[in-house]
Amino acid sequence: MALDSVGNLLLAKFSFHGGQDVCVLIPASVVFWMLRHLPVNQDPNLPPPAKVPELYREDWDLDTPRVMSVNCQQFQDALRITMDMSRKPDLTILLNRTNIELMRRFFSAYASELVDLDAE
């Protein structure tokens, strides 16, 4: 993940089985909403995540779709996130507990640098 220069968007890159990657821009409001709703890991024996995909300058492409909203469904050992995208079909990802915690930690690390325009 990487932050834009204004502090309102987070670039996220997800890797899928088969070696395919996808980049999305996540607005700060979605990041803060997800931080309030993502489950916090309670398992001290949670295995480490797989290799995190690297970000490159070209990932900040004008064609990178923006997440407009998210719909999450929590399962016992996974979280399904459906992202309503600005320019492309909806994107649905299924994260295991390790990747949920990884995303929560990334979001937490960037939270102090993000500007929540929807804050009350």
N, C-alpha and C. Protein backbone atom coordinates (compact mmCIF):
# COMPACT_ATOMS: atom_id res chain seq x y z
N MET A 1 0.84 -1.17 0.00
CA MET A 1 0.00 0.00 0.00
C MET A 1 0.88 1.24 0.00
N ALA A 2 0.34 2.30 -0.56
CA ALA A 2 1.05 3.57 -0.60
C ALA A 2 0.03 4.70 -0.55
N LEU A 3 0.44 5.83 -0.01
CA LEU A 3 -0.42 6.98 0.18
C LEU A 3 -0.21 8.00 -0.93
N ASP A 4 -1.31 8.65 -1.38
CA ASP A 4 -1.15 9.71 -2.36
C ASP A 4 -0.62 10.97 -1.68
N SER A 5 -0.20 11.94 -2.44
CA SER A 5 0.43 13.14 -1.88
C SER A 5 -0.54 14.03 -1.10
N VAL A 6 -1.83 13.91 -1.36
CA VAL A 6 -2.83 14.73 -0.67
C VAL A 6 -3.24 14.09 0.67
N GLY A 7 -3.17 12.79 0.75
CA GLY A 7 -3.56 12.10 1.97
C GLY A 7 -5.00 11.68 1.99
N ASN A 8 -5.61 11.56 0.82
CA ASN A 8 -7.01 11.16 0.76
C ASN A 8 -7.21 9.79 0.12
N LEU A 9 -6.18 9.24 -0.51
CA LEU A 9 -6.31 7.95 -1.19
C LEU A 9 -5.16 7.04 -0.81
N LEU A 10 -5.47 5.77 -0.67
CA LEU A 10 -4.48 4.75 -0.42
C LEU A 10 -4.47 3.81 -1.61
N LEU A 11 -3.31 3.61 -2.21
CA LEU A 11 -3.18 2.66 -3.31
C LEU A 11 -2.95 1.28 -2.70
N ALA A 12 -3.80 0.35 -3.05
CA ALA A 12 -3.66 -1.02 -2.54
C ALA A 12 -3.47 -1.96 -3.72
N LYS A 13 -2.60 -2.93 -3.53
CA LYS A 13 -2.34 -3.93 -4.56
C LYS A 13 -2.63 -5.30 -3.94
N PHE A 14 -3.51 -6.04 -4.60
CA PHE A 14 -3.88 -7.37 -4.15
C PHE A 14 -3.33 -8.39 -5.13
N SER A 15 -2.75 -9.46 -4.61
CA SER A 15 -2.28 -10.58 -5.44
C SER A 15 -3.26 -11.73 -5.31
N PHE A 16 -3.54 -12.37 -6.42
CA PHE A 16 -4.47 -13.48 -6.45
C PHE A 16 -3.73 -14.75 -6.83
N HIS A 17 -4.34 -15.88 -6.53
CA HIS A 17 -3.76 -17.16 -6.95
C HIS A 17 -3.58 -17.13 -8.46
N GLY A 18 -2.49 -17.64 -8.92
CA GLY A 18 -2.21 -17.63 -10.34
C GLY A 18 -1.31 -16.48 -10.75
N GLY A 19 -0.87 -15.68 -9.78
CA GLY A 19 0.08 -14.63 -10.06
C GLY A 19 -0.50 -13.33 -10.57
N GLN A 20 -1.80 -13.18 -10.59
CA GLN A 20 -2.43 -11.96 -11.09
C GLN A 20 -2.51 -10.94 -9.95
N ASP A 21 -2.23 -9.67 -10.27
CA ASP A 21 -2.33 -8.57 -9.31
C ASP A 21 -3.35 -7.57 -9.81
N VAL A 22 -3.96 -6.84 -8.87
CA VAL A 22 -4.86 -5.76 -9.21
C VAL A 22 -4.63 -4.61 -8.23
N CYS A 23 -4.62 -3.39 -8.76
CA CYS A 23 -4.47 -2.19 -7.94
C CYS A 23 -5.79 -1.45 -7.88
N VAL A 24 -6.08 -0.89 -6.70
CA VAL A 24 -7.27 -0.06 -6.51
C VAL A 24 -6.88 1.13 -5.63
N LEU A 25 -7.61 2.21 -5.80
CA LEU A 25 -7.44 3.38 -4.94
C LEU A 25 -8.55 3.35 -3.91
N ILE A 26 -8.17 3.36 -2.63
CA ILE A 26 -9.14 3.29 -1.55
C ILE A 26 -9.21 4.66 -0.87
N PRO A 27 -10.37 5.32 -0.91
CA PRO A 27 -10.50 6.62 -0.24
C PRO A 27 -10.33 6.49 1.27
N ALA A 28 -9.87 7.55 1.88
CA ALA A 28 -9.65 7.56 3.33
C ALA A 28 -10.93 7.19 4.09
N SER A 29 -12.08 7.65 3.61
CA SER A 29 -13.33 7.34 4.31
C SER A 29 -13.59 5.84 4.38
N VAL A 30 -13.24 5.12 3.32
CA VAL A 30 -13.40 3.66 3.31
C VAL A 30 -12.39 3.01 4.24
N VAL A 31 -11.15 3.52 4.24
CA VAL A 31 -10.12 2.99 5.14
C VAL A 31 -10.57 3.12 6.59
N PHE A 32 -11.07 4.31 6.97
CA PHE A 32 -11.50 4.52 8.35
C PHE A 32 -12.71 3.67 8.70
N TRP A 33 -13.64 3.50 7.76
CA TRP A 33 -14.79 2.64 8.01
C TRP A 33 -14.34 1.20 8.24
N MET A 34 -13.42 0.74 7.40
CA MET A 34 -12.95 -0.64 7.54
C MET A 34 -12.16 -0.82 8.85
N LEU A 35 -11.41 0.17 9.25
CA LEU A 35 -10.69 0.07 10.52
C LEU A 35 -11.65 -0.09 11.70
N ARG A 36 -12.80 0.56 11.61
CA ARG A 36 -13.79 0.43 12.68
C ARG A 36 -14.48 -0.93 12.65
N HIS A 37 -14.46 -1.61 11.50
CA HIS A 37 -15.22 -2.85 11.36
C HIS A 37 -14.40 -4.12 11.17
N LEU A 38 -13.12 -4.00 10.83
CA LEU A 38 -12.30 -5.20 10.64
C LEU A 38 -12.05 -5.88 11.99
N PRO A 39 -12.19 -7.19 12.03
CA PRO A 39 -11.92 -7.89 13.29
C PRO A 39 -10.42 -7.85 13.62
N VAL A 40 -10.13 -7.66 14.89
CA VAL A 40 -8.74 -7.65 15.36
C VAL A 40 -8.34 -9.08 15.69
N ASN A 41 -7.14 -9.45 15.28
CA ASN A 41 -6.66 -10.80 15.52
C ASN A 41 -6.58 -11.09 17.02
N GLN A 42 -7.09 -12.24 17.42
CA GLN A 42 -7.03 -12.69 18.81
C GLN A 42 -6.17 -13.95 18.95
N ASP A 43 -5.62 -14.41 17.85
CA ASP A 43 -4.85 -15.66 17.83
C ASP A 43 -3.35 -15.36 17.87
N PRO A 44 -2.67 -15.67 18.98
CA PRO A 44 -1.22 -15.41 19.06
C PRO A 44 -0.40 -16.30 18.12
N ASN A 45 -1.00 -17.35 17.61
CA ASN A 45 -0.31 -18.28 16.72
C ASN A 45 -0.67 -18.07 15.25
N LEU A 46 -1.19 -16.90 14.92
CA LEU A 46 -1.56 -16.62 13.53
C LEU A 46 -0.31 -16.67 12.66
N PRO A 47 -0.34 -17.46 11.58
CA PRO A 47 0.86 -17.56 10.73
C PRO A 47 1.12 -16.24 10.00
N PRO A 48 2.37 -16.00 9.63
CA PRO A 48 2.69 -14.76 8.90
C PRO A 48 2.08 -14.80 7.51
N PRO A 49 1.84 -13.61 6.94
CA PRO A 49 1.25 -13.57 5.59
C PRO A 49 2.25 -14.00 4.53
N ALA A 50 1.69 -14.35 3.39
CA ALA A 50 2.52 -14.67 2.24
C ALA A 50 3.20 -13.39 1.77
N LYS A 51 4.02 -13.50 0.79
CA LYS A 51 4.74 -12.35 0.24
C LYS A 51 3.78 -11.24 -0.17
N VAL A 52 4.09 -10.02 0.25
CA VAL A 52 3.28 -8.86 -0.08
C VAL A 52 3.72 -8.35 -1.46
N PRO A 53 2.78 -8.05 -2.36
CA PRO A 53 3.16 -7.58 -3.70
C PRO A 53 3.84 -6.21 -3.62
N GLU A 54 4.81 -6.02 -4.48
CA GLU A 54 5.52 -4.74 -4.52
C GLU A 54 4.74 -3.72 -5.35
N LEU A 55 4.83 -2.46 -4.92
CA LEU A 55 4.22 -1.37 -5.68
C LEU A 55 5.28 -0.71 -6.55
N TYR A 56 4.86 -0.29 -7.73
CA TYR A 56 5.75 0.39 -8.65
C TYR A 56 5.11 1.72 -9.06
N ARG A 57 5.93 2.61 -9.56
CA ARG A 57 5.45 3.93 -9.98
C ARG A 57 4.29 3.80 -10.98
N GLU A 58 4.38 2.83 -11.87
CA GLU A 58 3.32 2.67 -12.88
C GLU A 58 2.00 2.18 -12.28
N ASP A 59 2.01 1.72 -11.03
CA ASP A 59 0.76 1.34 -10.39
C ASP A 59 -0.13 2.55 -10.11
N TRP A 60 0.50 3.74 -10.04
CA TRP A 60 -0.27 4.99 -9.88
C TRP A 60 -0.72 5.45 -11.26
N ASP A 61 -1.51 4.64 -11.90
CA ASP A 61 -1.97 4.87 -13.27
C ASP A 61 -3.31 5.61 -13.23
N LEU A 62 -3.57 6.43 -14.23
CA LEU A 62 -4.86 7.14 -14.30
C LEU A 62 -6.03 6.17 -14.46
N ASP A 63 -5.75 4.97 -14.94
CA ASP A 63 -6.81 3.98 -15.12
C ASP A 63 -7.07 3.14 -13.87
N THR A 64 -6.30 3.35 -12.81
CA THR A 64 -6.52 2.59 -11.58
C THR A 64 -7.89 2.95 -11.03
N PRO A 65 -8.76 1.96 -10.88
CA PRO A 65 -10.12 2.27 -10.42
C PRO A 65 -10.15 2.67 -8.94
N ARG A 66 -11.13 3.47 -8.62
CA ARG A 66 -11.32 3.95 -7.25
C ARG A 66 -12.46 3.16 -6.60
N VAL A 67 -12.26 2.77 -5.37
CA VAL A 67 -13.29 2.08 -4.61
C VAL A 67 -14.32 3.13 -4.18
N MET A 68 -15.57 2.90 -4.50
CA MET A 68 -16.62 3.84 -4.13
C MET A 68 -17.26 3.45 -2.79
N SER A 69 -17.40 2.16 -2.56
CA SER A 69 -17.95 1.66 -1.29
C SER A 69 -17.57 0.19 -1.16
N VAL A 70 -17.71 -0.34 0.04
CA VAL A 70 -17.41 -1.75 0.27
C VAL A 70 -18.58 -2.41 0.99
N ASN A 71 -18.70 -3.69 0.74
CA ASN A 71 -19.67 -4.52 1.43
C ASN A 71 -18.89 -5.72 1.95
N CYS A 72 -18.90 -5.92 3.26
CA CYS A 72 -18.10 -7.00 3.85
C CYS A 72 -19.01 -8.05 4.47
N GLN A 73 -18.60 -9.29 4.32
CA GLN A 73 -19.29 -10.39 4.97
C GLN A 73 -18.24 -11.22 5.70
N GLN A 74 -18.40 -11.32 7.01
CA GLN A 74 -17.42 -12.03 7.84
C GLN A 74 -17.84 -13.48 8.02
N PHE A 75 -16.87 -14.37 7.83
CA PHE A 75 -17.04 -15.79 8.09
C PHE A 75 -16.13 -16.16 9.25
N GLN A 76 -16.17 -17.39 9.70
CA GLN A 76 -15.36 -17.79 10.84
C GLN A 76 -13.87 -17.57 10.60
N ASP A 77 -13.37 -17.95 9.43
CA ASP A 77 -11.94 -17.83 9.14
C ASP A 77 -11.63 -16.98 7.92
N ALA A 78 -12.57 -16.14 7.50
CA ALA A 78 -12.34 -15.34 6.29
C ALA A 78 -13.25 -14.11 6.29
N LEU A 79 -12.92 -13.22 5.40
CA LEU A 79 -13.71 -12.01 5.20
C LEU A 79 -13.84 -11.81 3.70
N ARG A 80 -15.09 -11.70 3.23
CA ARG A 80 -15.34 -11.42 1.83
C ARG A 80 -15.65 -9.94 1.70
N ILE A 81 -14.89 -9.26 0.85
CA ILE A 81 -15.07 -7.83 0.63
C ILE A 81 -15.43 -7.62 -0.83
N THR A 82 -16.58 -7.04 -1.06
CA THR A 82 -16.99 -6.66 -2.41
C THR A 82 -16.85 -5.16 -2.51
N MET A 83 -16.05 -4.74 -3.48
CA MET A 83 -15.77 -3.32 -3.68
C MET A 83 -16.53 -2.82 -4.89
N ASP A 84 -17.33 -1.78 -4.68
CA ASP A 84 -18.02 -1.10 -5.77
C ASP A 84 -16.99 -0.17 -6.39
N MET A 85 -16.67 -0.40 -7.66
CA MET A 85 -15.58 0.32 -8.32
C MET A 85 -16.10 1.46 -9.19
N SER A 86 -15.27 2.48 -9.35
CA SER A 86 -15.65 3.66 -10.12
C SER A 86 -15.75 3.38 -11.62
N ARG A 87 -14.82 2.61 -12.18
CA ARG A 87 -14.77 2.45 -13.63
C ARG A 87 -14.80 1.01 -14.10
N LYS A 88 -14.75 0.10 -13.21
CA LYS A 88 -14.67 -1.30 -13.62
C LYS A 88 -15.74 -2.08 -12.88
N PRO A 89 -15.97 -3.33 -13.26
CA PRO A 89 -16.93 -4.14 -12.51
C PRO A 89 -16.51 -4.29 -11.06
N ASP A 90 -17.46 -4.57 -10.21
CA ASP A 90 -17.17 -4.77 -8.79
C ASP A 90 -16.06 -5.80 -8.64
N LEU A 91 -15.27 -5.63 -7.59
CA LEU A 91 -14.18 -6.54 -7.29
C LEU A 91 -14.49 -7.21 -5.96
N THR A 92 -14.47 -8.54 -5.95
CA THR A 92 -14.70 -9.28 -4.71
C THR A 92 -13.43 -10.04 -4.37
N ILE A 93 -12.99 -9.87 -3.12
CA ILE A 93 -11.82 -10.59 -2.63
C ILE A 93 -12.21 -11.36 -1.39
N LEU A 94 -11.54 -12.46 -1.17
CA LEU A 94 -11.74 -13.27 0.02
C LEU A 94 -10.40 -13.34 0.75
N LEU A 95 -10.38 -12.79 1.96
CA LEU A 95 -9.15 -12.75 2.74
C LEU A 95 -9.22 -13.75 3.88
N ASN A 96 -8.14 -14.51 4.06
CA ASN A 96 -8.08 -15.38 5.22
C ASN A 96 -7.70 -14.54 6.44
N ARG A 97 -7.67 -15.13 7.63
CA ARG A 97 -7.41 -14.36 8.86
C ARG A 97 -6.06 -13.66 8.82
N THR A 98 -5.06 -14.29 8.25
CA THR A 98 -3.73 -13.68 8.16
C THR A 98 -3.78 -12.41 7.32
N ASN A 99 -4.45 -12.47 6.19
CA ASN A 99 -4.52 -11.30 5.31
C ASN A 99 -5.45 -10.22 5.84
N ILE A 100 -6.46 -10.60 6.61
CA ILE A 100 -7.31 -9.60 7.27
C ILE A 100 -6.46 -8.78 8.24
N GLU A 101 -5.67 -9.47 9.05
CA GLU A 101 -4.82 -8.78 10.01
C GLU A 101 -3.76 -7.94 9.32
N LEU A 102 -3.21 -8.43 8.22
CA LEU A 102 -2.24 -7.66 7.46
C LEU A 102 -2.87 -6.36 6.94
N MET A 103 -4.06 -6.45 6.37
CA MET A 103 -4.73 -5.27 5.86
C MET A 103 -5.06 -4.30 6.99
N ARG A 104 -5.53 -4.83 8.11
CA ARG A 104 -5.85 -3.98 9.26
C ARG A 104 -4.60 -3.23 9.73
N ARG A 105 -3.47 -3.91 9.76
CA ARG A 105 -2.22 -3.27 10.19
C ARG A 105 -1.75 -2.21 9.20
N PHE A 106 -1.87 -2.49 7.91
CA PHE A 106 -1.53 -1.48 6.90
C PHE A 106 -2.42 -0.25 7.06
N PHE A 107 -3.73 -0.49 7.17
CA PHE A 107 -4.65 0.63 7.33
C PHE A 107 -4.32 1.43 8.59
N SER A 108 -4.03 0.75 9.68
CA SER A 108 -3.68 1.42 10.94
C SER A 108 -2.41 2.25 10.78
N ALA A 109 -1.43 1.71 10.08
CA ALA A 109 -0.16 2.42 9.90
C ALA A 109 -0.34 3.71 9.10
N TYR A 110 -1.25 3.72 8.15
CA TYR A 110 -1.47 4.89 7.31
C TYR A 110 -2.54 5.84 7.87
N ALA A 111 -3.29 5.41 8.86
CA ALA A 111 -4.43 6.20 9.36
C ALA A 111 -4.03 7.60 9.80
N SER A 112 -2.88 7.74 10.42
CA SER A 112 -2.48 9.07 10.91
C SER A 112 -2.12 10.02 9.77
N GLU A 113 -1.84 9.49 8.58
CA GLU A 113 -1.48 10.33 7.44
C GLU A 113 -2.66 10.59 6.50
N LEU A 114 -3.76 9.89 6.72
CA LEU A 114 -4.93 10.06 5.87
C LEU A 114 -5.84 11.16 6.40
N VAL A 115 -6.53 11.84 5.49
CA VAL A 115 -7.48 12.88 5.85
C VAL A 115 -8.86 12.31 5.60
N ASP A 116 -9.64 12.19 6.67
CA ASP A 116 -11.00 11.64 6.54
C ASP A 116 -11.95 12.79 6.24
N LEU A 117 -12.29 12.98 4.98
CA LEU A 117 -13.18 14.07 4.59
C LEU A 117 -14.61 13.87 5.06
N ASP A 118 -14.96 12.64 5.45
CA ASP A 118 -16.30 12.35 5.92
C ASP A 118 -16.40 12.34 7.44
N ALA A 119 -15.32 12.73 8.13
CA ALA A 119 -15.33 12.72 9.59
C ALA A 119 -16.38 13.68 10.12
N GLU A 120 -16.99 13.27 11.20
CA GLU A 120 -18.04 14.12 11.80
C GLU A 120 -17.46 14.95 12.91
